[in-house]
Amino acid sequence: MVLWLSLEILHDTHLKYLCSNVVKQMEFDLDP
C-alpha cells in the first residue's frame, strides 16, 4: 500500500515534469 502510494506520487511528479518540459519546448518553438 505504501509502495503503491509512493509509486503514484512518483508517477504524478514525473508526469508534471514531462508536461512542463513539453510546455517549455512549445514556448521555445513559438519564440521567433
PDB file of N, CA and C in Angstrom:
ATOM      1  N   MET A   1       0.839  -1.197   0.000  1.00  0.00           N
ATOM      2  CA  MET A   1       0.000   0.000   0.000  1.00  0.00           C
ATOM      3  C   MET A   1       0.879   1.254   0.000  1.00  0.00           C
ATOM      4  N   VAL A   2       1.847   1.302   0.891  1.00  0.00           N
ATOM      5  CA  VAL A   2       2.748   2.459   0.959  1.00  0.00           C
ATOM      6  C   VAL A   2       3.570   2.546  -0.326  1.00  0.00           C
ATOM      7  N   LEU A   3       4.003   1.391  -0.808  1.00  0.00           N
ATOM      8  CA  LEU A   3       4.775   1.348  -2.045  1.00  0.00           C
ATOM      9  C   LEU A   3       3.932   1.868  -3.217  1.00  0.00           C
ATOM     10  N   TRP A   4       2.695   1.403  -3.276  1.00  0.00           N
ATOM     11  CA  TRP A   4       1.785   1.838  -4.332  1.00  0.00           C
ATOM     12  C   TRP A   4       1.579   3.348  -4.281  1.00  0.00           C
ATOM     13  N   LEU A   5       1.431   3.877  -3.062  1.00  0.00           N
ATOM     14  CA  LEU A   5       1.222   5.306  -2.880  1.00  0.00           C
ATOM     15  C   LEU A   5       2.434   6.098  -3.356  1.00  0.00           C
ATOM     16  N   SER A   6       3.611   5.639  -2.994  1.00  0.00           N
ATOM     17  CA  SER A   6       4.829   6.331  -3.417  1.00  0.00           C
ATOM     18  C   SER A   6       5.008   6.239  -4.935  1.00  0.00           C
ATOM     19  N   LEU A   7       4.598   5.115  -5.505  1.00  0.00           N
ATOM     20  CA  LEU A   7       4.661   4.973  -6.960  1.00  0.00           C
ATOM     21  C   LEU A   7       3.711   5.955  -7.633  1.00  0.00           C
ATOM     22  N   GLU A   8       2.545   6.124  -7.046  1.00  0.00           N
ATOM     23  CA  GLU A   8       1.576   7.075  -7.583  1.00  0.00           C
ATOM     24  C   GLU A   8       2.146   8.494  -7.539  1.00  0.00           C
ATOM     25  N   ILE A   9       2.775   8.843  -6.441  1.00  0.00           N
ATOM     26  CA  ILE A   9       3.371  10.172  -6.282  1.00  0.00           C
ATOM     27  C   ILE A   9       4.505  10.346  -7.286  1.00  0.00           C
ATOM     28  N   LEU A  10       5.337   9.336  -7.414  1.00  0.00           N
ATOM     29  CA  LEU A  10       6.433   9.375  -8.378  1.00  0.00           C
ATOM     30  C   LEU A  10       5.891   9.573  -9.791  1.00  0.00           C
ATOM     31  N   HIS A  11       4.881   8.809 -10.117  1.00  0.00           N
ATOM     32  CA  HIS A  11       4.272   8.877 -11.440  1.00  0.00           C
ATOM     33  C   HIS A  11       3.699  10.270 -11.690  1.00  0.00           C
ATOM     34  N   ASP A  12       3.048  10.815 -10.676  1.00  0.00           N
ATOM     35  CA  ASP A  12       2.423  12.126 -10.790  1.00  0.00           C
ATOM     36  C   ASP A  12       3.473  13.221 -11.015  1.00  0.00           C
ATOM     37  N   THR A  13       4.540  13.183 -10.239  1.00  0.00           N
ATOM     38  CA  THR A  13       5.577  14.198 -10.397  1.00  0.00           C
ATOM     39  C   THR A  13       6.283  14.035 -11.734  1.00  0.00           C
ATOM     40  N   HIS A  14       6.436  12.796 -12.170  1.00  0.00           N
ATOM     41  CA  HIS A  14       7.068  12.540 -13.459  1.00  0.00           C
ATOM     42  C   HIS A  14       6.219  13.121 -14.595  1.00  0.00           C
ATOM     43  N   LEU A  15       4.905  12.948 -14.485  1.00  0.00           N
ATOM     44  CA  LEU A  15       4.001  13.499 -15.494  1.00  0.00           C
ATOM     45  C   LEU A  15       4.056  15.018 -15.507  1.00  0.00           C
ATOM     46  N   LYS A  16       4.099  15.614 -14.309  1.00  0.00           N
ATOM     47  CA  LYS A  16       4.174  17.071 -14.225  1.00  0.00           C
ATOM     48  C   LYS A  16       5.469  17.568 -14.840  1.00  0.00           C
ATOM     49  N   TYR A  17       6.549  16.820 -14.579  1.00  0.00           N
ATOM     50  CA  TYR A  17       7.849  17.169 -15.137  1.00  0.00           C
ATOM     51  C   TYR A  17       7.814  17.103 -16.668  1.00  0.00           C
ATOM     52  N   LEU A  18       7.224  16.041 -17.183  1.00  0.00           N
ATOM     53  CA  LEU A  18       7.108  15.890 -18.637  1.00  0.00           C
ATOM     54  C   LEU A  18       6.249  16.998 -19.241  1.00  0.00           C
ATOM     55  N   CYS A  19       5.137  17.300 -18.592  1.00  0.00           N
ATOM     56  CA  CYS A  19       4.237  18.338 -19.092  1.00  0.00           C
ATOM     57  C   CYS A  19       4.922  19.692 -19.110  1.00  0.00           C
ATOM     58  N   SER A  20       5.656  20.019 -18.068  1.00  0.00           N
ATOM     59  CA  SER A  20       6.345  21.302 -18.023  1.00  0.00           C
ATOM     60  C   SER A  20       7.430  21.374 -19.090  1.00  0.00           C
ATOM     61  N   ASN A  21       8.081  20.249 -19.355  1.00  0.00           N
ATOM     62  CA  ASN A  21       9.096  20.208 -20.416  1.00  0.00           C
ATOM     63  C   ASN A  21       8.457  20.431 -21.784  1.00  0.00           C
ATOM     64  N   VAL A  22       7.314  19.821 -22.001  1.00  0.00           N
ATOM     65  CA  VAL A  22       6.597  19.975 -23.274  1.00  0.00           C
ATOM     66  C   VAL A  22       6.167  21.432 -23.450  1.00  0.00           C
ATOM     67  N   VAL A  23       5.660  22.038 -22.380  1.00  0.00           N
ATOM     68  CA  VAL A  23       5.220  23.434 -22.436  1.00  0.00           C
ATOM     69  C   VAL A  23       6.414  24.342 -22.726  1.00  0.00           C
ATOM     70  N   LYS A  24       7.530  24.090 -22.055  1.00  0.00           N
ATOM     71  CA  LYS A  24       8.737  24.878 -22.300  1.00  0.00           C
ATOM     72  C   LYS A  24       9.188  24.738 -23.749  1.00  0.00           C
ATOM     73  N   GLN A  25       9.147  23.522 -24.257  1.00  0.00           N
ATOM     74  CA  GLN A  25       9.549  23.260 -25.637  1.00  0.00           C
ATOM     75  C   GLN A  25       8.625  23.981 -26.607  1.00  0.00           C
ATOM     76  N   MET A  26       7.342  23.962 -26.333  1.00  0.00           N
ATOM     77  CA  MET A  26       6.373  24.644 -27.186  1.00  0.00           C
ATOM     78  C   MET A  26       6.614  26.152 -27.172  1.00  0.00           C
ATOM     79  N   GLU A  27       6.842  26.703 -26.001  1.00  0.00           N
ATOM     80  CA  GLU A  27       7.105  28.135 -25.887  1.00  0.00           C
ATOM     81  C   GLU A  27       8.390  28.486 -26.626  1.00  0.00           C
ATOM     82  N   PHE A  28       9.363  27.625 -26.515  1.00  0.00           N
ATOM     83  CA  PHE A  28      10.639  27.837 -27.206  1.00  0.00           C
ATOM     84  C   PHE A  28      10.436  27.817 -28.722  1.00  0.00           C
ATOM     85  N   ASP A  29       9.627  26.873 -29.192  1.00  0.00           N
ATOM     86  CA  ASP A  29       9.350  26.753 -30.630  1.00  0.00           C
ATOM     87  C   ASP A  29       8.541  27.948 -31.141  1.00  0.00           C
ATOM     88  N   LEU A  30       7.678  28.476 -30.284  1.00  0.00           N
ATOM     89  CA  LEU A  30       6.849  29.609 -30.689  1.00  0.00           C
ATOM     90  C   LEU A  30       7.646  30.909 -30.723  1.00  0.00           C
ATOM     91  N   ASP A  31       8.738  30.932 -29.967  1.00  0.00           N
ATOM     92  CA  ASP A  31       9.574  32.132 -29.939  1.00  0.00           C
ATOM     93  C   ASP A  31      10.221  32.360 -31.308  1.00  0.00           C
ATOM     94  N   PRO A  32      10.095  33.550 -31.866  1.00  0.00           N
ATOM     95  CA  PRO A  32      10.686  33.832 -33.170  1.00  0.00           C
ATOM     96  C   PRO A  32      12.212  34.000 -33.100  1.00  0.00           C
TER      97      PRO A  32
END
